[in-house]
């Protein structure tokens, strides 16, 4: 089903909300267009302190018009080491392997 567009234009300086009315949480995002659907992968950092260095993992949003984005959930959880200092996941990228049809994600992981 097509998504109802919440916006007709981009508004610089305003908080961008998803289709549920929540601020989009996809920092340092990467995009994929597949089958007429845009996929936005980004670090889940809203509500983290400090937000520049901590995240919960990688969120996924989808859209068919680049204005309205539906949150699909956390698709990759942050890693934790045995010392519980974890990794900050940044700049997620996703591609589709033409040979297998499977999707591959890679991210930059920085130790905290």
Foldseek 3Di string as FASTA:
>chain_A
DADDFPDDDDDPPDFQAAPVRHGDAFPQWDWDADPLKIKIKHFRQPPHVVSVFDGQAIWIWIHNPVRHTDTPGHPGGWDADPVRQTWRWHNKYWDADPVPRDIDIDTDTDGD
